[in-house]
Amino acid sequence: SEAHIDTVTEPVPLTTLIQERMAALEPLASARGIELEFCADDEIRVAGIRERLVSLIDNLIENAVKYSPEGGRIEVQLQSTPTSARLRVSDAGPGIPVELRERAFDRFFRDPNQTQSGSGLGLAIVKAVTQQHNGRVNLSTSAEGGLMVTVDFPHPALA
């Protein structure tokens, strides 16, 4: 995600891309009885690099599936705001304590209280891809008490 090759951006239909990635990741969620829910405005396009956006979406959804309780639900929302395309992925997992949220974006960082296996690269990749697209990423608590990751991409006209 840090490579500077293929840096030419093009309009990417983000709504369609998220639907494609959710369909591809559905078996992973189904294996744990997790429901994936998608809510979006009309097709929203962002100026981006498709393959990097695939990496971002996959990391967000795979992490949500990994940390969600069996039988849980993951909500993916995409909406247009006056200044951005806002992607939100929410789960009902254990979340990340407020004091660890900034460190969660560091490569190889893992919450010492978590028992899930992993490399600690998922959110680092999400942050790197977001920055490459001149966006912002934020972690907060979801309505279910889990984690909500919000990524704001500038509209193509503003990029």
C-alpha atoms as a PDB file:
ATOM      1  CA  SER A   1       0.000   0.000   0.000  1.00  0.00           C
ATOM      2  CA  GLU A   2       3.009   2.313   0.317  1.00  0.00           C
ATOM      3  CA  ALA A   3       4.299   1.753  -3.221  1.00  0.00           C
ATOM      4  CA  HIS A   4       4.220   4.770  -5.486  1.00  0.00           C
ATOM      5  CA  ILE A   5       3.447   2.841  -8.658  1.00  0.00           C
ATOM      6  CA  ASP A   6       0.101   3.089 -10.426  1.00  0.00           C
ATOM      7  CA  THR A   7      -0.638   6.467  -8.890  1.00  0.00           C
ATOM      8  CA  VAL A   8      -2.881   7.688 -11.712  1.00  0.00           C
ATOM      9  CA  THR A   9      -6.355   8.149 -10.317  1.00  0.00           C
ATOM     10  CA  GLU A  10      -9.575   7.660 -12.198  1.00  0.00           C
ATOM     11  CA  PRO A  11     -13.246   7.906 -11.263  1.00  0.00           C
ATOM     12  CA  VAL A  12     -14.034   4.736  -9.314  1.00  0.00           C
ATOM     13  CA  PRO A  13     -17.691   3.729  -8.779  1.00  0.00           C
ATOM     14  CA  LEU A  14     -17.351   3.153  -5.034  1.00  0.00           C
ATOM     15  CA  THR A  15     -20.921   1.914  -4.473  1.00  0.00           C
ATOM     16  CA  THR A  16     -20.506  -0.831  -7.060  1.00  0.00           C
ATOM     17  CA  LEU A  17     -17.018  -1.697  -5.826  1.00  0.00           C
ATOM     18  CA  ILE A  18     -18.248  -2.137  -2.239  1.00  0.00           C
ATOM     19  CA  GLN A  19     -21.115  -4.353  -3.439  1.00  0.00           C
ATOM     20  CA  GLU A  20     -18.648  -6.517  -5.395  1.00  0.00           C
ATOM     21  CA  ARG A  21     -16.289  -6.865  -2.418  1.00  0.00           C
ATOM     22  CA  MET A  22     -19.126  -7.649  -0.009  1.00  0.00           C
ATOM     23  CA  ALA A  23     -20.341 -10.403  -2.351  1.00  0.00           C
ATOM     24  CA  ALA A  24     -16.797 -11.818  -2.517  1.00  0.00           C
ATOM     25  CA  LEU A  25     -16.470 -11.739   1.292  1.00  0.00           C
ATOM     26  CA  GLU A  26     -19.970 -13.115   1.986  1.00  0.00           C
ATOM     27  CA  PRO A  27     -18.725 -16.729   2.415  1.00  0.00           C
ATOM     28  CA  LEU A  28     -16.305 -15.564   5.127  1.00  0.00           C
ATOM     29  CA  ALA A  29     -19.152 -13.864   6.995  1.00  0.00           C
ATOM     30  CA  SER A  30     -21.622 -16.719   6.427  1.00  0.00           C
ATOM     31  CA  ALA A  31     -19.175 -19.231   7.900  1.00  0.00           C
ATOM     32  CA  ARG A  32     -19.575 -17.376  11.212  1.00  0.00           C
ATOM     33  CA  GLY A  33     -23.287 -16.658  10.823  1.00  0.00           C
ATOM     34  CA  ILE A  34     -22.598 -12.942  10.384  1.00  0.00           C
ATOM     35  CA  GLU A  35     -24.974 -10.816   8.356  1.00  0.00           C
ATOM     36  CA  LEU A  36     -23.480  -8.193   6.047  1.00  0.00           C
ATOM     37  CA  GLU A  37     -25.750  -5.201   5.479  1.00  0.00           C
ATOM     38  CA  PHE A  38     -25.098  -2.454   2.921  1.00  0.00           C
ATOM     39  CA  CYS A  39     -26.831   0.893   2.747  1.00  0.00           C
ATOM     40  CA  ALA A  40     -25.833   3.477   0.142  1.00  0.00           C
ATOM     41  CA  ASP A  41     -26.957   6.573  -1.651  1.00  0.00           C
ATOM     42  CA  ASP A  42     -26.931   6.372  -5.435  1.00  0.00           C
ATOM     43  CA  GLU A  43     -23.686   5.432  -7.158  1.00  0.00           C
ATOM     44  CA  ILE A  44     -20.917   7.483  -5.583  1.00  0.00           C
ATOM     45  CA  ARG A  45     -17.670   7.929  -7.455  1.00  0.00           C
ATOM     46  CA  VAL A  46     -14.321   8.906  -5.995  1.00  0.00           C
ATOM     47  CA  ALA A  47     -11.045   9.794  -7.672  1.00  0.00           C
ATOM     48  CA  GLY A  48      -8.946   6.786  -6.846  1.00  0.00           C
ATOM     49  CA  ILE A  49      -6.912   3.731  -7.647  1.00  0.00           C
ATOM     50  CA  ARG A  50      -9.282   0.780  -7.825  1.00  0.00           C
ATOM     51  CA  GLU A  51      -6.925  -1.933  -6.546  1.00  0.00           C
ATOM     52  CA  ARG A  52      -5.936   0.110  -3.513  1.00  0.00           C
ATOM     53  CA  LEU A  53      -9.582   0.806  -2.733  1.00  0.00           C
ATOM     54  CA  VAL A  54     -10.242  -2.947  -2.960  1.00  0.00           C
ATOM     55  CA  SER A  55      -7.507  -3.462  -0.354  1.00  0.00           C
ATOM     56  CA  LEU A  56      -9.061  -0.838   1.938  1.00  0.00           C
ATOM     57  CA  ILE A  57     -12.590  -2.282   1.649  1.00  0.00           C
ATOM     58  CA  ASP A  58     -11.411  -5.868   2.125  1.00  0.00           C
ATOM     59  CA  ASN A  59      -9.389  -4.989   5.212  1.00  0.00           C
ATOM     60  CA  LEU A  60     -12.308  -3.135   6.791  1.00  0.00           C
ATOM     61  CA  ILE A  61     -14.809  -5.921   6.171  1.00  0.00           C
ATOM     62  CA  GLU A  62     -12.434  -8.783   7.009  1.00  0.00           C
ATOM     63  CA  ASN A  63     -11.507  -7.101  10.326  1.00  0.00           C
ATOM     64  CA  ALA A  64     -15.184  -6.543  11.137  1.00  0.00           C
ATOM     65  CA  VAL A  65     -15.944 -10.220  10.428  1.00  0.00           C
ATOM     66  CA  LYS A  66     -12.942 -11.371  12.466  1.00  0.00           C
ATOM     67  CA  TYR A  67     -13.896  -9.373  15.551  1.00  0.00           C
ATOM     68  CA  SER A  68     -17.696  -9.664  15.385  1.00  0.00           C
ATOM     69  CA  PRO A  69     -19.421 -12.215  17.570  1.00  0.00           C
ATOM     70  CA  GLU A  70     -20.876 -15.248  15.785  1.00  0.00           C
ATOM     71  CA  GLY A  71     -24.372 -14.484  14.558  1.00  0.00           C
ATOM     72  CA  GLY A  72     -23.611 -10.757  14.582  1.00  0.00           C
ATOM     73  CA  ARG A  73     -24.220  -8.066  12.015  1.00  0.00           C
ATOM     74  CA  ILE A  74     -21.868  -5.755  10.154  1.00  0.00           C
ATOM     75  CA  GLU A  75     -23.251  -2.563   8.711  1.00  0.00           C
ATOM     76  CA  VAL A  76     -21.532  -0.906   5.769  1.00  0.00           C
ATOM     77  CA  GLN A  77     -22.783   2.558   4.821  1.00  0.00           C
ATOM     78  CA  LEU A  78     -21.804   4.825   1.977  1.00  0.00           C
ATOM     79  CA  GLN A  79     -23.172   8.317   1.737  1.00  0.00           C
ATOM     80  CA  SER A  80     -22.423  11.564   0.033  1.00  0.00           C
ATOM     81  CA  THR A  81     -21.806  14.591   2.258  1.00  0.00           C
ATOM     82  CA  PRO A  82     -21.272  18.149   0.979  1.00  0.00           C
ATOM     83  CA  THR A  83     -17.501  17.627   0.998  1.00  0.00           C
ATOM     84  CA  SER A  84     -16.891  13.894   0.873  1.00  0.00           C
ATOM     85  CA  ALA A  85     -17.913  10.348   0.121  1.00  0.00           C
ATOM     86  CA  ARG A  86     -18.241   8.808   3.593  1.00  0.00           C
ATOM     87  CA  LEU A  87     -17.727   5.082   4.099  1.00  0.00           C
ATOM     88  CA  ARG A  88     -18.609   3.610   7.489  1.00  0.00           C
ATOM     89  CA  VAL A  89     -18.115   0.032   8.623  1.00  0.00           C
ATOM     90  CA  SER A  90     -19.634  -0.849  12.014  1.00  0.00           C
ATOM     91  CA  ASP A  91     -19.547  -4.072  13.979  1.00  0.00           C
ATOM     92  CA  ALA A  92     -20.585  -5.357  17.404  1.00  0.00           C
ATOM     93  CA  GLY A  93     -17.172  -6.719  18.352  1.00  0.00           C
ATOM     94  CA  PRO A  94     -15.047  -5.672  21.320  1.00  0.00           C
ATOM     95  CA  GLY A  95     -13.997  -2.375  19.698  1.00  0.00           C
ATOM     96  CA  ILE A  96     -10.718  -0.626  20.387  1.00  0.00           C
ATOM     97  CA  PRO A  97     -10.232   1.285  23.646  1.00  0.00           C
ATOM     98  CA  VAL A  98     -10.069   5.054  23.116  1.00  0.00           C
ATOM     99  CA  GLU A  99      -6.501   5.227  24.437  1.00  0.00           C
ATOM    100  CA  LEU A 100      -5.306   2.716  21.804  1.00  0.00           C
ATOM    101  CA  ARG A 101      -7.114   4.103  18.751  1.00  0.00           C
ATOM    102  CA  GLU A 102      -4.242   6.180  17.342  1.00  0.00           C
ATOM    103  CA  ARG A 103      -1.786   3.326  17.841  1.00  0.00           C
ATOM    104  CA  ALA A 104      -4.190   0.958  16.062  1.00  0.00           C
ATOM    105  CA  PHE A 105      -3.038   2.534  12.775  1.00  0.00           C
ATOM    106  CA  ASP A 106       0.615   1.628  13.443  1.00  0.00           C
ATOM    107  CA  ARG A 107       1.999  -1.284  11.471  1.00  0.00           C
ATOM    108  CA  PHE A 108       2.080  -4.529  13.462  1.00  0.00           C
ATOM    109  CA  PHE A 109       0.261  -3.012  16.453  1.00  0.00           C
ATOM    110  CA  ARG A 110      -2.126  -5.399  18.176  1.00  0.00           C
ATOM    111  CA  ASP A 111      -4.354  -4.653  21.145  1.00  0.00           C
ATOM    112  CA  PRO A 112      -2.696  -6.633  23.957  1.00  0.00           C
ATOM    113  CA  ASN A 113      -6.139  -7.524  25.339  1.00  0.00           C
ATOM    114  CA  GLN A 114      -7.285  -9.248  22.124  1.00  0.00           C
ATOM    115  CA  THR A 115      -6.973 -12.967  21.582  1.00  0.00           C
ATOM    116  CA  GLN A 116      -7.681 -12.896  17.827  1.00  0.00           C
ATOM    117  CA  SER A 117      -4.767 -13.796  15.610  1.00  0.00           C
ATOM    118  CA  GLY A 118      -3.519 -11.380  12.991  1.00  0.00           C
ATOM    119  CA  SER A 119      -0.569  -9.396  11.750  1.00  0.00           C
ATOM    120  CA  GLY A 120      -1.645  -5.966  12.958  1.00  0.00           C
ATOM    121  CA  LEU A 121      -1.512  -4.576   9.418  1.00  0.00           C
ATOM    122  CA  GLY A 122      -5.202  -4.154   8.541  1.00  0.00           C
ATOM    123  CA  LEU A 123      -5.798  -0.659   9.899  1.00  0.00           C
ATOM    124  CA  ALA A 124      -2.301   0.466   8.859  1.00  0.00           C
ATOM    125  CA  ILE A 125      -3.217  -0.453   5.282  1.00  0.00           C
ATOM    126  CA  VAL A 126      -6.573   1.317   5.605  1.00  0.00           C
ATOM    127  CA  LYS A 127      -4.845   4.485   6.811  1.00  0.00           C
ATOM    128  CA  ALA A 128      -2.168   4.363   4.085  1.00  0.00           C
ATOM    129  CA  VAL A 129      -4.736   3.910   1.311  1.00  0.00           C
ATOM    130  CA  THR A 130      -6.951   6.630   2.784  1.00  0.00           C
ATOM    131  CA  GLN A 131      -4.032   9.071   2.846  1.00  0.00           C
ATOM    132  CA  GLN A 132      -3.074   8.163  -0.740  1.00  0.00           C
ATOM    133  CA  HIS A 133      -6.614   9.211  -1.690  1.00  0.00           C
ATOM    134  CA  ASN A 134      -6.366  12.507   0.271  1.00  0.00           C
ATOM    135  CA  GLY A 135      -8.933  11.216   2.742  1.00  0.00           C
ATOM    136  CA  ARG A 136      -9.333  10.932   6.484  1.00  0.00           C
ATOM    137  CA  VAL A 137      -9.997   7.891   8.655  1.00  0.00           C
ATOM    138  CA  ASN A 138     -11.458   7.879  12.146  1.00  0.00           C
ATOM    139  CA  LEU A 139     -12.220   5.188  14.734  1.00  0.00           C
ATOM    140  CA  SER A 140     -15.165   5.468  17.109  1.00  0.00           C
ATOM    141  CA  THR A 141     -17.622   3.288  18.995  1.00  0.00           C
ATOM    142  CA  SER A 142     -20.495   1.800  16.988  1.00  0.00           C
ATOM    143  CA  ALA A 143     -24.110   1.905  18.147  1.00  0.00           C
ATOM    144  CA  GLU A 144     -23.701  -1.761  19.177  1.00  0.00           C
ATOM    145  CA  GLY A 145     -20.651  -0.936  21.306  1.00  0.00           C
ATOM    146  CA  GLY A 146     -18.167  -2.313  18.788  1.00  0.00           C
ATOM    147  CA  LEU A 147     -15.941  -0.469  16.365  1.00  0.00           C
ATOM    148  CA  MET A 148     -17.018   2.015  13.719  1.00  0.00           C
ATOM    149  CA  VAL A 149     -14.433   2.970  11.107  1.00  0.00           C
ATOM    150  CA  THR A 150     -15.265   6.104   9.121  1.00  0.00           C
ATOM    151  CA  VAL A 151     -13.356   6.952   5.950  1.00  0.00           C
ATOM    152  CA  ASP A 152     -13.989  10.268   4.203  1.00  0.00           C
ATOM    153  CA  PHE A 153     -12.829  10.569   0.580  1.00  0.00           C
ATOM    154  CA  PRO A 154     -12.960  13.988  -1.071  1.00  0.00           C
ATOM    155  CA  HIS A 155     -15.455  14.258  -3.923  1.00  0.00           C
ATOM    156  CA  PRO A 156     -13.680  14.072  -7.305  1.00  0.00           C
ATOM    157  CA  ALA A 157     -14.426  17.734  -7.967  1.00  0.00           C
ATOM    158  CA  LEU A 158     -12.678  18.641  -4.684  1.00  0.00           C
ATOM    159  CA  ALA A 159      -9.755  16.205  -4.958  1.00  0.00           C
END
